[in-house]
């Protein structure tokens, strides 16, 4: 395990987390992930620490209201969020991590058909 750092574009929100140096990520085709080209790296809640920006985070929910999308109020970047697919983990956008872990495997997830797709995982 290694410590990594990430955050939003403007630096108002920053965090650190523990992860393996080689990771699997998810690429989802739902309307929100596709628009961001989001690269999901799932991190256990206890392995992610918010360094600063708690007061700069705004949240957005839609549909089932199970996912909590966290955005920086200043620059609008979603560097991590609480996904519906992994209730005990955060999804960190690998694109928002400084010197990120190496990608071992990319798992394509059909978020457009979430209910059917999640049962296959």
PDB file of N, CA and C in Angstrom:
ATOM      1  N   UNK A   1       0.843  -1.181   0.000  1.00  0.00           N
ATOM      2  CA  UNK A   1       0.000   0.000   0.000  1.00  0.00           C
ATOM      3  C   UNK A   1       0.892   1.251   0.000  1.00  0.00           C
ATOM      4  N   UNK A   2       0.378   2.261  -0.698  1.00  0.00           N
ATOM      5  CA  UNK A   2       1.110   3.517  -0.833  1.00  0.00           C
ATOM      6  C   UNK A   2       0.137   4.667  -0.606  1.00  0.00           C
ATOM      7  N   UNK A   3       0.653   5.805  -0.165  1.00  0.00           N
ATOM      8  CA  UNK A   3      -0.181   6.979   0.039  1.00  0.00           C
ATOM      9  C   UNK A   3      -0.182   7.833  -1.219  1.00  0.00           C
ATOM     10  N   UNK A   4      -1.378   8.277  -1.615  1.00  0.00           N
ATOM     11  CA  UNK A   4      -1.557   9.113  -2.795  1.00  0.00           C
ATOM     12  C   UNK A   4      -2.309  10.373  -2.401  1.00  0.00           C
ATOM     13  N   UNK A   5      -2.143  11.425  -3.211  1.00  0.00           N
ATOM     14  CA  UNK A   5      -2.798  12.710  -2.961  1.00  0.00           C
ATOM     15  C   UNK A   5      -3.592  13.135  -4.187  1.00  0.00           C
ATOM     16  N   UNK A   6      -4.730  13.770  -3.938  1.00  0.00           N
ATOM     17  CA  UNK A   6      -5.558  14.251  -5.034  1.00  0.00           C
ATOM     18  C   UNK A   6      -6.379  15.440  -4.602  1.00  0.00           C
ATOM     19  N   UNK A   7      -7.147  15.958  -5.550  1.00  0.00           N
ATOM     20  CA  UNK A   7      -8.006  17.086  -5.240  1.00  0.00           C
ATOM     21  C   UNK A   7      -8.617  17.684  -6.484  1.00  0.00           C
ATOM     22  N   UNK A   8      -9.248  18.801  -6.283  1.00  0.00           N
ATOM     23  CA  UNK A   8      -9.925  19.493  -7.383  1.00  0.00           C
ATOM     24  C   UNK A   8      -8.918  20.335  -8.176  1.00  0.00           C
ATOM     25  N   UNK A   9      -9.403  21.015  -9.174  1.00  0.00           N
ATOM     26  CA  UNK A   9      -8.565  21.838 -10.053  1.00  0.00           C
ATOM     27  C   UNK A   9      -7.927  23.018  -9.321  1.00  0.00           C
ATOM     28  N   UNK A  10      -8.710  23.717  -8.510  1.00  0.00           N
ATOM     29  CA  UNK A  10      -8.214  24.944  -7.880  1.00  0.00           C
ATOM     30  C   UNK A  10      -7.467  24.697  -6.574  1.00  0.00           C
ATOM     31  N   UNK A  11      -7.535  23.473  -6.041  1.00  0.00           N
ATOM     32  CA  UNK A  11      -6.824  23.148  -4.814  1.00  0.00           C
ATOM     33  C   UNK A  11      -7.607  23.403  -3.535  1.00  0.00           C
ATOM     34  N   UNK A  12      -8.826  23.893  -3.645  1.00  0.00           N
ATOM     35  CA  UNK A  12      -9.627  24.146  -2.448  1.00  0.00           C
ATOM     36  C   UNK A  12     -10.002  22.843  -1.740  1.00  0.00           C
ATOM     37  N   UNK A  13     -10.173  21.761  -2.505  1.00  0.00           N
ATOM     38  CA  UNK A  13     -10.484  20.442  -1.946  1.00  0.00           C
ATOM     39  C   UNK A  13      -9.281  19.545  -2.203  1.00  0.00           C
ATOM     40  N   UNK A  14      -8.752  18.977  -1.135  1.00  0.00           N
ATOM     41  CA  UNK A  14      -7.654  18.025  -1.303  1.00  0.00           C
ATOM     42  C   UNK A  14      -7.829  16.862  -0.333  1.00  0.00           C
ATOM     43  N   UNK A  15      -7.276  15.728  -0.718  1.00  0.00           N
ATOM     44  CA  UNK A  15      -7.421  14.519   0.080  1.00  0.00           C
ATOM     45  C   UNK A  15      -6.198  13.636  -0.118  1.00  0.00           C
ATOM     46  N   UNK A  16      -6.079  12.635   0.739  1.00  0.00           N
ATOM     47  CA  UNK A  16      -5.060  11.614   0.580  1.00  0.00           C
ATOM     48  C   UNK A  16      -5.738  10.262   0.795  1.00  0.00           C
ATOM     49  N   UNK A  17      -5.129   9.216   0.241  1.00  0.00           N
ATOM     50  CA  UNK A  17      -5.698   7.887   0.419  1.00  0.00           C
ATOM     51  C   UNK A  17      -4.610   6.832   0.283  1.00  0.00           C
ATOM     52  N   UNK A  18      -4.919   5.656   0.777  1.00  0.00           N
ATOM     53  CA  UNK A  18      -4.045   4.498   0.678  1.00  0.00           C
ATOM     54  C   UNK A  18      -4.563   3.598  -0.433  1.00  0.00           C
ATOM     55  N   UNK A  19      -3.638   3.090  -1.264  1.00  0.00           N
ATOM     56  CA  UNK A  19      -4.031   2.214  -2.360  1.00  0.00           C
ATOM     57  C   UNK A  19      -2.848   1.353  -2.768  1.00  0.00           C
ATOM     58  N   UNK A  20      -3.150   0.275  -3.438  1.00  0.00           N
ATOM     59  CA  UNK A  20      -2.108  -0.519  -4.076  1.00  0.00           C
ATOM     60  C   UNK A  20      -1.470   0.317  -5.179  1.00  0.00           C
ATOM     61  N   UNK A  21      -0.268  -0.069  -5.579  1.00  0.00           N
ATOM     62  CA  UNK A  21       0.431   0.664  -6.631  1.00  0.00           C
ATOM     63  C   UNK A  21      -0.043   0.273  -8.028  1.00  0.00           C
ATOM     64  N   UNK A  22      -0.732  -0.837  -8.155  1.00  0.00           N
ATOM     65  CA  UNK A  22      -1.359  -1.271  -9.411  1.00  0.00           C
ATOM     66  C   UNK A  22      -2.828  -1.517  -9.097  1.00  0.00           C
ATOM     67  N   UNK A  23      -3.721  -0.910  -9.880  1.00  0.00           N
ATOM     68  CA  UNK A  23      -5.149  -0.925  -9.552  1.00  0.00           C
ATOM     69  C   UNK A  23      -6.016  -1.255 -10.766  1.00  0.00           C
ATOM     70  N   UNK A  24      -7.204  -1.707 -10.470  1.00  0.00           N
ATOM     71  CA  UNK A  24      -8.255  -1.837 -11.474  1.00  0.00           C
ATOM     72  C   UNK A  24      -9.140  -0.601 -11.344  1.00  0.00           C
ATOM     73  N   UNK A  25      -9.578  -0.071 -12.465  1.00  0.00           N
ATOM     74  CA  UNK A  25     -10.521   1.054 -12.447  1.00  0.00           C
ATOM     75  C   UNK A  25     -11.757   0.681 -13.247  1.00  0.00           C
ATOM     76  N   UNK A  26     -12.827   1.402 -12.997  1.00  0.00           N
ATOM     77  CA  UNK A  26     -14.058   1.250 -13.774  1.00  0.00           C
ATOM     78  C   UNK A  26     -14.213   2.453 -14.690  1.00  0.00           C
ATOM     79  N   UNK A  27     -14.726   2.202 -15.874  1.00  0.00           N
ATOM     80  CA  UNK A  27     -15.183   3.247 -16.788  1.00  0.00           C
ATOM     81  C   UNK A  27     -16.669   2.986 -16.983  1.00  0.00           C
ATOM     82  N   UNK A  28     -17.470   3.969 -16.667  1.00  0.00           N
ATOM     83  CA  UNK A  28     -18.931   3.842 -16.709  1.00  0.00           C
ATOM     84  C   UNK A  28     -19.475   4.696 -17.852  1.00  0.00           C
ATOM     85  N   UNK A  29     -20.517   4.209 -18.489  1.00  0.00           N
ATOM     86  CA  UNK A  29     -21.103   4.933 -19.617  1.00  0.00           C
ATOM     87  C   UNK A  29     -22.368   5.713 -19.254  1.00  0.00           C
ATOM     88  N   UNK A  30     -22.668   5.873 -17.956  1.00  0.00           N
ATOM     89  CA  UNK A  30     -23.868   6.636 -17.590  1.00  0.00           C
ATOM     90  C   UNK A  30     -23.679   8.104 -18.004  1.00  0.00           C
ATOM     91  N   UNK A  31     -24.747   8.869 -17.973  1.00  0.00           N
ATOM     92  CA  UNK A  31     -24.703  10.237 -18.486  1.00  0.00           C
ATOM     93  C   UNK A  31     -23.718  11.129 -17.733  1.00  0.00           C
ATOM     94  N   UNK A  32     -23.571  10.951 -16.441  1.00  0.00           N
ATOM     95  CA  UNK A  32     -22.673  11.834 -15.691  1.00  0.00           C
ATOM     96  C   UNK A  32     -21.217  11.384 -15.808  1.00  0.00           C
ATOM     97  N   UNK A  33     -20.950  10.085 -15.705  1.00  0.00           N
ATOM     98  CA  UNK A  33     -19.557   9.596 -15.803  1.00  0.00           C
ATOM     99  C   UNK A  33     -18.999   9.785 -17.205  1.00  0.00           C
ATOM    100  N   UNK A  34     -19.821   9.540 -18.193  1.00  0.00           N
ATOM    101  CA  UNK A  34     -19.389   9.689 -19.584  1.00  0.00           C
ATOM    102  C   UNK A  34     -19.023  11.140 -19.888  1.00  0.00           C
ATOM    103  N   UNK A  35     -19.804  12.077 -19.368  1.00  0.00           N
ATOM    104  CA  UNK A  35     -19.533  13.496 -19.611  1.00  0.00           C
ATOM    105  C   UNK A  35     -18.189  13.924 -19.023  1.00  0.00           C
ATOM    106  N   UNK A  36     -17.797  13.329 -17.900  1.00  0.00           N
ATOM    107  CA  UNK A  36     -16.535  13.674 -17.241  1.00  0.00           C
ATOM    108  C   UNK A  36     -15.376  12.790 -17.659  1.00  0.00           C
ATOM    109  N   UNK A  37     -15.649  11.715 -18.391  1.00  0.00           N
ATOM    110  CA  UNK A  37     -14.636  10.702 -18.686  1.00  0.00           C
ATOM    111  C   UNK A  37     -14.003  10.245 -17.370  1.00  0.00           C
ATOM    112  N   UNK A  38     -14.855  10.008 -16.384  1.00  0.00           N
ATOM    113  CA  UNK A  38     -14.469   9.684 -15.006  1.00  0.00           C
ATOM    114  C   UNK A  38     -13.805   8.312 -14.957  1.00  0.00           C
ATOM    115  N   UNK A  39     -12.688   8.226 -14.253  1.00  0.00           N
ATOM    116  CA  UNK A  39     -11.986   6.962 -14.049  1.00  0.00           C
ATOM    117  C   UNK A  39     -12.119   6.583 -12.580  1.00  0.00           C
ATOM    118  N   UNK A  40     -12.980   5.599 -12.311  1.00  0.00           N
ATOM    119  CA  UNK A  40     -13.333   5.211 -10.946  1.00  0.00           C
ATOM    120  C   UNK A  40     -12.275   4.336 -10.296  1.00  0.00           C
ATOM    121  N   UNK A  41     -11.705   4.830  -9.213  1.00  0.00           N
ATOM    122  CA  UNK A  41     -10.836   4.037  -8.359  1.00  0.00           C
ATOM    123  C   UNK A  41     -11.547   3.959  -7.014  1.00  0.00           C
ATOM    124  N   UNK A  42     -11.971   2.771  -6.629  1.00  0.00           N
ATOM    125  CA  UNK A  42     -12.738   2.603  -5.401  1.00  0.00           C
ATOM    126  C   UNK A  42     -11.807   2.461  -4.199  1.00  0.00           C
ATOM    127  N   UNK A  43     -12.053   3.301  -3.191  1.00  0.00           N
ATOM    128  CA  UNK A  43     -11.235   3.382  -1.985  1.00  0.00           C
ATOM    129  C   UNK A  43     -12.151   3.243  -0.773  1.00  0.00           C
ATOM    130  N   UNK A  44     -11.794   2.360   0.153  1.00  0.00           N
ATOM    131  CA  UNK A  44     -12.581   2.214   1.379  1.00  0.00           C
ATOM    132  C   UNK A  44     -12.646   3.544   2.115  1.00  0.00           C
ATOM    133  N   UNK A  45     -13.791   3.795   2.731  1.00  0.00           N
ATOM    134  CA  UNK A  45     -13.973   5.055   3.458  1.00  0.00           C
ATOM    135  C   UNK A  45     -12.824   5.331   4.414  1.00  0.00           C
ATOM    136  N   UNK A  46     -12.408   4.315   5.150  1.00  0.00           N
ATOM    137  CA  UNK A  46     -11.364   4.525   6.150  1.00  0.00           C
ATOM    138  C   UNK A  46      -9.982   4.773   5.542  1.00  0.00           C
ATOM    139  N   UNK A  47      -9.829   4.543   4.238  1.00  0.00           N
ATOM    140  CA  UNK A  47      -8.542   4.754   3.576  1.00  0.00           C
ATOM    141  C   UNK A  47      -8.434   6.116   2.889  1.00  0.00           C
ATOM    142  N   UNK A  48      -9.476   6.933   2.980  1.00  0.00           N
ATOM    143  CA  UNK A  48      -9.452   8.272   2.384  1.00  0.00           C
ATOM    144  C   UNK A  48      -9.613   9.317   3.483  1.00  0.00           C
ATOM    145  N   UNK A  49      -8.761  10.321   3.457  1.00  0.00           N
ATOM    146  CA  UNK A  49      -8.818  11.410   4.432  1.00  0.00           C
ATOM    147  C   UNK A  49      -8.899  12.730   3.687  1.00  0.00           C
ATOM    148  N   UNK A  50      -9.891  13.534   4.017  1.00  0.00           N
ATOM    149  CA  UNK A  50     -10.013  14.873   3.449  1.00  0.00           C
ATOM    150  C   UNK A  50      -9.003  15.767   4.168  1.00  0.00           C
ATOM    151  N   UNK A  51      -8.114  16.380   3.419  1.00  0.00           N
ATOM    152  CA  UNK A  51      -7.087  17.250   3.996  1.00  0.00           C
ATOM    153  C   UNK A  51      -7.647  18.651   4.207  1.00  0.00           C
ATOM    154  N   UNK A  52      -8.280  19.191   3.164  1.00  0.00           N
ATOM    155  CA  UNK A  52      -8.938  20.487   3.313  1.00  0.00           C
ATOM    156  C   UNK A  52     -10.087  20.595   2.324  1.00  0.00           C
ATOM    157  N   UNK A  53     -10.956  21.549   2.594  1.00  0.00           N
ATOM    158  CA  UNK A  53     -12.042  21.831   1.675  1.00  0.00           C
ATOM    159  C   UNK A  53     -13.408  21.337   2.081  1.00  0.00           C
ATOM    160  N   UNK A  54     -13.549  20.827   3.300  1.00  0.00           N
ATOM    161  CA  UNK A  54     -14.864  20.345   3.731  1.00  0.00           C
ATOM    162  C   UNK A  54     -15.935  21.418   3.530  1.00  0.00           C
ATOM    163  N   UNK A  55     -15.569  22.655   3.783  1.00  0.00           N
ATOM    164  CA  UNK A  55     -16.512  23.766   3.626  1.00  0.00           C
ATOM    165  C   UNK A  55     -16.662  24.214   2.168  1.00  0.00           C
ATOM    166  N   UNK A  56     -15.862  23.660   1.268  1.00  0.00           N
ATOM    167  CA  UNK A  56     -15.929  24.021  -0.152  1.00  0.00           C
ATOM    168  C   UNK A  56     -16.624  22.953  -1.000  1.00  0.00           C
ATOM    169  N   UNK A  57     -17.138  21.909  -0.361  1.00  0.00           N
ATOM    170  CA  UNK A  57     -17.773  20.813  -1.091  1.00  0.00           C
ATOM    171  C   UNK A  57     -19.284  21.002  -1.130  1.00  0.00           C
ATOM    172  N   UNK A  58     -19.826  20.869  -2.309  1.00  0.00           N
ATOM    173  CA  UNK A  58     -21.266  20.884  -2.517  1.00  0.00           C
ATOM    174  C   UNK A  58     -21.650  19.504  -3.041  1.00  0.00           C
ATOM    175  N   UNK A  59     -22.866  19.057  -2.751  1.00  0.00           N
ATOM    176  CA  UNK A  59     -23.261  17.724  -3.222  1.00  0.00           C
ATOM    177  C   UNK A  59     -24.448  17.806  -4.172  1.00  0.00           C
ATOM    178  N   UNK A  60     -24.538  16.789  -4.999  1.00  0.00           N
ATOM    179  CA  UNK A  60     -25.603  16.678  -5.992  1.00  0.00           C
ATOM    180  C   UNK A  60     -26.086  15.230  -6.000  1.00  0.00           C
ATOM    181  N   UNK A  61     -27.381  15.039  -5.973  1.00  0.00           N
ATOM    182  CA  UNK A  61     -27.962  13.699  -6.093  1.00  0.00           C
ATOM    183  C   UNK A  61     -29.047  13.730  -7.156  1.00  0.00           C
ATOM    184  N   UNK A  62     -29.290  12.588  -7.752  1.00  0.00           N
ATOM    185  CA  UNK A  62     -30.376  12.481  -8.724  1.00  0.00           C
ATOM    186  C   UNK A  62     -30.884  11.045  -8.727  1.00  0.00           C
ATOM    187  N   UNK A  63     -31.930  10.791  -9.461  1.00  0.00           N
ATOM    188  CA  UNK A  63     -32.464   9.427  -9.585  1.00  0.00           C
ATOM    189  C   UNK A  63     -32.802   8.820  -8.239  1.00  0.00           C
ATOM    190  N   UNK A  64     -32.096   7.748  -7.876  1.00  0.00           N
ATOM    191  CA  UNK A  64     -32.374   7.021  -6.634  1.00  0.00           C
ATOM    192  C   UNK A  64     -31.910   7.773  -5.385  1.00  0.00           C
ATOM    193  N   UNK A  65     -31.124   8.810  -5.551  1.00  0.00           N
ATOM    194  CA  UNK A  65     -30.549   9.611  -4.453  1.00  0.00           C
ATOM    195  C   UNK A  65     -29.563   8.815  -3.603  1.00  0.00           C
ATOM    196  N   UNK A  66     -29.100   7.650  -4.078  1.00  0.00           N
ATOM    197  CA  UNK A  66     -28.147   6.833  -3.327  1.00  0.00           C
ATOM    198  C   UNK A  66     -26.713   7.299  -3.521  1.00  0.00           C
ATOM    199  N   UNK A  67     -26.385   7.807  -4.674  1.00  0.00           N
ATOM    200  CA  UNK A  67     -25.046   8.335  -4.921  1.00  0.00           C
ATOM    201  C   UNK A  67     -25.005   9.788  -4.470  1.00  0.00           C
ATOM    202  N   UNK A  68     -23.897  10.178  -3.874  1.00  0.00           N
ATOM    203  CA  UNK A  68     -23.689  11.565  -3.447  1.00  0.00           C
ATOM    204  C   UNK A  68     -22.488  12.096  -4.225  1.00  0.00           C
ATOM    205  N   UNK A  69     -22.750  12.945  -5.189  1.00  0.00           N
ATOM    206  CA  UNK A  69     -21.702  13.518  -6.034  1.00  0.00           C
ATOM    207  C   UNK A  69     -21.198  14.793  -5.361  1.00  0.00           C
ATOM    208  N   UNK A  70     -19.908  14.829  -5.034  1.00  0.00           N
ATOM    209  CA  UNK A  70     -19.300  15.955  -4.331  1.00  0.00           C
ATOM    210  C   UNK A  70     -18.498  16.802  -5.318  1.00  0.00           C
ATOM    211  N   UNK A  71     -18.799  18.095  -5.353  1.00  0.00           N
ATOM    212  CA  UNK A  71     -18.149  19.040  -6.260  1.00  0.00           C
ATOM    213  C   UNK A  71     -17.506  20.164  -5.468  1.00  0.00           C
ATOM    214  N   UNK A  72     -16.398  20.659  -5.948  1.00  0.00           N
ATOM    215  CA  UNK A  72     -15.809  21.857  -5.377  1.00  0.00           C
ATOM    216  C   UNK A  72     -16.704  23.044  -5.751  1.00  0.00           C
ATOM    217  N   UNK A  73     -17.082  23.845  -4.766  1.00  0.00           N
ATOM    218  CA  UNK A  73     -17.929  25.021  -5.010  1.00  0.00           C
ATOM    219  C   UNK A  73     -17.229  26.069  -5.863  1.00  0.00           C
ATOM    220  N   UNK A  74     -15.894  26.075  -5.842  1.00  0.00           N
ATOM    221  CA  UNK A  74     -15.153  27.105  -6.564  1.00  0.00           C
ATOM    222  C   UNK A  74     -14.878  26.734  -8.022  1.00  0.00           C
ATOM    223  N   UNK A  75     -14.361  25.534  -8.264  1.00  0.00           N
ATOM    224  CA  UNK A  75     -13.984  25.180  -9.644  1.00  0.00           C
ATOM    225  C   UNK A  75     -14.921  24.154 -10.294  1.00  0.00           C
ATOM    226  N   UNK A  76     -15.799  23.519  -9.506  1.00  0.00           N
ATOM    227  CA  UNK A  76     -16.789  22.603 -10.061  1.00  0.00           C
ATOM    228  C   UNK A  76     -16.315  21.185 -10.310  1.00  0.00           C
ATOM    229  N   UNK A  77     -15.075  20.868  -9.939  1.00  0.00           N
ATOM    230  CA  UNK A  77     -14.535  19.537 -10.221  1.00  0.00           C
ATOM    231  C   UNK A  77     -15.018  18.519  -9.185  1.00  0.00           C
ATOM    232  N   UNK A  78     -15.400  17.343  -9.688  1.00  0.00           N
ATOM    233  CA  UNK A  78     -15.780  16.211  -8.835  1.00  0.00           C
ATOM    234  C   UNK A  78     -14.580  15.272  -8.780  1.00  0.00           C
ATOM    235  N   UNK A  79     -13.790  15.390  -7.718  1.00  0.00           N
ATOM    236  CA  UNK A  79     -12.580  14.577  -7.598  1.00  0.00           C
ATOM    237  C   UNK A  79     -12.831  13.256  -6.886  1.00  0.00           C
ATOM    238  N   UNK A  80     -13.913  13.178  -6.115  1.00  0.00           N
ATOM    239  CA  UNK A  80     -14.336  11.923  -5.494  1.00  0.00           C
ATOM    240  C   UNK A  80     -15.815  12.036  -5.158  1.00  0.00           C
ATOM    241  N   UNK A  81     -16.452  10.895  -4.922  1.00  0.00           N
ATOM    242  CA  UNK A  81     -17.858  10.907  -4.541  1.00  0.00           C
ATOM    243  C   UNK A  81     -18.247   9.566  -3.926  1.00  0.00           C
ATOM    244  N   UNK A  82     -19.455   9.517  -3.389  1.00  0.00           N
ATOM    245  CA  UNK A  82     -20.004   8.290  -2.818  1.00  0.00           C
ATOM    246  C   UNK A  82     -20.867   7.608  -3.881  1.00  0.00           C
ATOM    247  N   UNK A  83     -20.372   6.520  -4.488  1.00  0.00           N
ATOM    248  CA  UNK A  83     -21.150   5.874  -5.548  1.00  0.00           C
ATOM    249  C   UNK A  83     -22.243   4.953  -4.998  1.00  0.00           C
ATOM    250  N   UNK A  84     -23.240   4.772  -5.774  1.00  0.00           N
ATOM    251  CA  UNK A  84     -24.316   3.844  -5.450  1.00  0.00           C
ATOM    252  C   UNK A  84     -23.833   2.406  -5.534  1.00  0.00           C
ATOM    253  N   UNK A  85     -22.898   2.134  -6.426  1.00  0.00           N
ATOM    254  CA  UNK A  85     -22.431   0.766  -6.663  1.00  0.00           C
ATOM    255  C   UNK A  85     -21.599   0.202  -5.515  1.00  0.00           C
ATOM    256  N   UNK A  86     -20.939   1.057  -4.754  1.00  0.00           N
ATOM    257  CA  UNK A  86     -20.032   0.637  -3.681  1.00  0.00           C
ATOM    258  C   UNK A  86     -20.339   1.465  -2.424  1.00  0.00           C
ATOM    259  N   UNK A  87     -21.375   1.130  -1.676  1.00  0.00           N
ATOM    260  CA  UNK A  87     -21.786   1.965  -0.537  1.00  0.00           C
ATOM    261  C   UNK A  87     -20.752   2.076   0.583  1.00  0.00           C
ATOM    262  N   UNK A  88     -19.787   1.153   0.637  1.00  0.00           N
ATOM    263  CA  UNK A  88     -18.761   1.201   1.679  1.00  0.00           C
ATOM    264  C   UNK A  88     -17.452   1.816   1.190  1.00  0.00           C
ATOM    265  N   UNK A  89     -17.490   2.436   0.007  1.00  0.00           N
ATOM    266  CA  UNK A  89     -16.286   3.017  -0.576  1.00  0.00           C
ATOM    267  C   UNK A  89     -16.600   4.362  -1.225  1.00  0.00           C
ATOM    268  N   UNK A  90     -15.541   5.150  -1.397  1.00  0.00           N
ATOM    269  CA  UNK A  90     -15.616   6.332  -2.237  1.00  0.00           C
ATOM    270  C   UNK A  90     -15.089   5.957  -3.619  1.00  0.00           C
ATOM    271  N   UNK A  91     -15.523   6.680  -4.619  1.00  0.00           N
ATOM    272  CA  UNK A  91     -14.934   6.574  -5.947  1.00  0.00           C
ATOM    273  C   UNK A  91     -14.090   7.826  -6.151  1.00  0.00           C
ATOM    274  N   UNK A  92     -12.791   7.616  -6.300  1.00  0.00           N
ATOM    275  CA  UNK A  92     -11.862   8.705  -6.569  1.00  0.00           C
ATOM    276  C   UNK A  92     -11.647   8.764  -8.075  1.00  0.00           C
ATOM    277  N   UNK A  93     -11.716   9.960  -8.632  1.00  0.00           N
ATOM    278  CA  UNK A  93     -11.435  10.109 -10.053  1.00  0.00           C
ATOM    279  C   UNK A  93      -9.916  10.061 -10.236  1.00  0.00           C
ATOM    280  N   UNK A  94      -9.437   8.997 -10.850  1.00  0.00           N
ATOM    281  CA  UNK A  94      -8.004   8.811 -11.026  1.00  0.00           C
ATOM    282  C   UNK A  94      -7.371   9.999 -11.739  1.00  0.00           C
ATOM    283  N   UNK A  95      -8.154  10.708 -12.552  1.00  0.00           N
ATOM    284  CA  UNK A  95      -7.651  11.887 -13.266  1.00  0.00           C
ATOM    285  C   UNK A  95      -7.345  13.053 -12.319  1.00  0.00           C
ATOM    286  N   UNK A  96      -7.817  12.960 -11.066  1.00  0.00           N
ATOM    287  CA  UNK A  96      -7.608  14.023 -10.080  1.00  0.00           C
ATOM    288  C   UNK A  96      -6.549  13.646  -9.045  1.00  0.00           C
ATOM    289  N   UNK A  97      -5.752  12.623  -9.332  1.00  0.00           N
ATOM    290  CA  UNK A  97      -4.727  12.142  -8.406  1.00  0.00           C
ATOM    291  C   UNK A  97      -3.348  12.506  -8.946  1.00  0.00           C
ATOM    292  N   UNK A  98      -2.524  13.087  -8.084  1.00  0.00           N
ATOM    293  CA  UNK A  98      -1.140  13.412  -8.454  1.00  0.00           C
ATOM    294  C   UNK A  98      -0.326  12.126  -8.440  1.00  0.00           C
ATOM    295  N   UNK A  99       0.416  11.848  -9.486  1.00  0.00           N
ATOM    296  CA  UNK A  99       1.223  10.620  -9.593  1.00  0.00           C
ATOM    297  C   UNK A  99       0.397   9.398  -9.192  1.00  0.00           C
ATOM    298  N   UNK A 100      -0.658   9.120  -9.954  1.00  0.00           N
ATOM    299  CA  UNK A 100      -1.599   8.048  -9.575  1.00  0.00           C
ATOM    300  C   UNK A 100      -0.989   6.652  -9.684  1.00  0.00           C
ATOM    301  N   UNK A 101      -1.658   5.677  -9.059  1.00  0.00           N
ATOM    302  CA  UNK A 101      -1.214   4.294  -9.222  1.00  0.00           C
ATOM    303  C   UNK A 101      -1.348   3.864 -10.680  1.00  0.00           C
ATOM    304  N   UNK A 102      -0.615   2.860 -11.050  1.00  0.00           N
ATOM    305  CA  UNK A 102      -0.675   2.322 -12.414  1.00  0.00           C
ATOM    306  C   UNK A 102      -1.958   1.522 -12.597  1.00  0.00           C
ATOM    307  N   UNK A 103      -2.545   1.636 -13.777  1.00  0.00           N
ATOM    308  CA  UNK A 103      -3.777   0.904 -14.087  1.00  0.00           C
ATOM    309  C   UNK A 103      -3.414  -0.500 -14.555  1.00  0.00           C
ATOM    310  N   UNK A 104      -3.929  -1.468 -13.846  1.00  0.00           N
ATOM    311  CA  UNK A 104      -3.741  -2.878 -14.192  1.00  0.00           C
ATOM    312  C   UNK A 104      -4.805  -3.311 -15.212  1.00  0.00           C
ATOM    313  N   UNK A 105      -6.055  -2.917 -14.919  1.00  0.00           N
ATOM    314  CA  UNK A 105      -7.179  -3.363 -15.744  1.00  0.00           C
ATOM    315  C   UNK A 105      -8.275  -2.306 -15.723  1.00  0.00           C
ATOM    316  N   UNK A 106      -8.912  -2.096 -16.878  1.00  0.00           N
ATOM    317  CA  UNK A 106     -10.064  -1.201 -16.985  1.00  0.00           C
ATOM    318  C   UNK A 106     -11.306  -2.067 -17.135  1.00  0.00           C
ATOM    319  N   UNK A 107     -12.261  -1.888 -16.240  1.00  0.00           N
ATOM    320  CA  UNK A 107     -13.514  -2.636 -16.267  1.00  0.00           C
ATOM    321  C   UNK A 107     -14.588  -1.716 -16.815  1.00  0.00           C
ATOM    322  N   UNK A 108     -15.162  -2.078 -17.942  1.00  0.00           N
ATOM    323  CA  UNK A 108     -16.256  -1.295 -18.519  1.00  0.00           C
ATOM    324  C   UNK A 108     -17.544  -1.657 -17.806  1.00  0.00           C
ATOM    325  N   UNK A 109     -18.202  -0.637 -17.262  1.00  0.00           N
ATOM    326  CA  UNK A 109     -19.447  -0.838 -16.530  1.00  0.00           C
ATOM    327  C   UNK A 109     -20.577  -0.143 -17.274  1.00  0.00           C
ATOM    328  N   UNK A 110     -21.645  -0.864 -17.532  1.00  0.00           N
ATOM    329  CA  UNK A 110     -22.803  -0.335 -18.253  1.00  0.00           C
ATOM    330  C   UNK A 110     -23.746   0.363 -17.276  1.00  0.00           C
ATOM    331  N   UNK A 111     -23.390   1.593 -16.917  1.00  0.00           N
ATOM    332  CA  UNK A 111     -24.190   2.369 -15.979  1.00  0.00           C
ATOM    333  C   UNK A 111     -25.523   2.822 -16.544  1.00  0.00           C
ATOM    334  N   UNK A 112     -25.650   2.843 -17.852  1.00  0.00           N
ATOM    335  CA  UNK A 112     -26.937   3.177 -18.464  1.00  0.00           C
ATOM    336  C   UNK A 112     -27.979   2.151 -18.039  1.00  0.00           C
ATOM    337  N   UNK A 113     -27.549   0.911 -17.906  1.00  0.00           N
ATOM    338  CA  UNK A 113     -28.416  -0.192 -17.456  1.00  0.00           C
ATOM    339  C   UNK A 113     -27.935  -0.670 -16.087  1.00  0.00           C
ATOM    340  N   UNK A 114     -27.873   0.255 -15.141  1.00  0.00           N
ATOM    341  CA  UNK A 114     -27.266   0.012 -13.833  1.00  0.00           C
ATOM    342  C   UNK A 114     -27.813  -1.223 -13.133  1.00  0.00           C
ATOM    343  N   UNK A 115     -29.108  -1.319 -12.999  1.00  0.00           N
ATOM    344  CA  UNK A 115     -29.711  -2.425 -12.216  1.00  0.00           C
ATOM    345  C   UNK A 115     -29.304  -3.783 -12.759  1.00  0.00           C
ATOM    346  N   UNK A 116     -29.315  -3.959 -14.054  1.00  0.00           N
ATOM    347  CA  UNK A 116     -28.892  -5.235 -14.653  1.00  0.00           C
ATOM    348  C   UNK A 116     -27.389  -5.426 -14.503  1.00  0.00           C
ATOM    349  N   UNK A 117     -26.620  -4.374 -14.714  1.00  0.00           N
ATOM    350  CA  UNK A 117     -25.159  -4.465 -14.702  1.00  0.00           C
ATOM    351  C   UNK A 117     -24.604  -4.755 -13.321  1.00  0.00           C
ATOM    352  N   UNK A 118     -25.162  -4.146 -12.287  1.00  0.00           N
ATOM    353  CA  UNK A 118     -24.621  -4.319 -10.938  1.00  0.00           C
ATOM    354  C   UNK A 118     -24.821  -5.757 -10.463  1.00  0.00           C
ATOM    355  N   UNK A 119     -25.852  -6.417 -10.946  1.00  0.00           N
ATOM    356  CA  UNK A 119     -26.096  -7.804 -10.548  1.00  0.00           C
ATOM    357  C   UNK A 119     -25.073  -8.747 -11.182  1.00  0.00           C
ATOM    358  N   UNK A 120     -24.417  -8.320 -12.246  1.00  0.00           N
ATOM    359  CA  UNK A 120     -23.429  -9.161 -12.924  1.00  0.00           C
ATOM    360  C   UNK A 120     -22.030  -9.037 -12.318  1.00  0.00           C
ATOM    361  N   UNK A 121     -21.862  -8.060 -11.453  1.00  0.00           N
ATOM    362  CA  UNK A 121     -20.534  -7.821 -10.834  1.00  0.00           C
ATOM    363  C   UNK A 121     -20.349  -8.736  -9.632  1.00  0.00           C
TER     364      UNK A 121
END
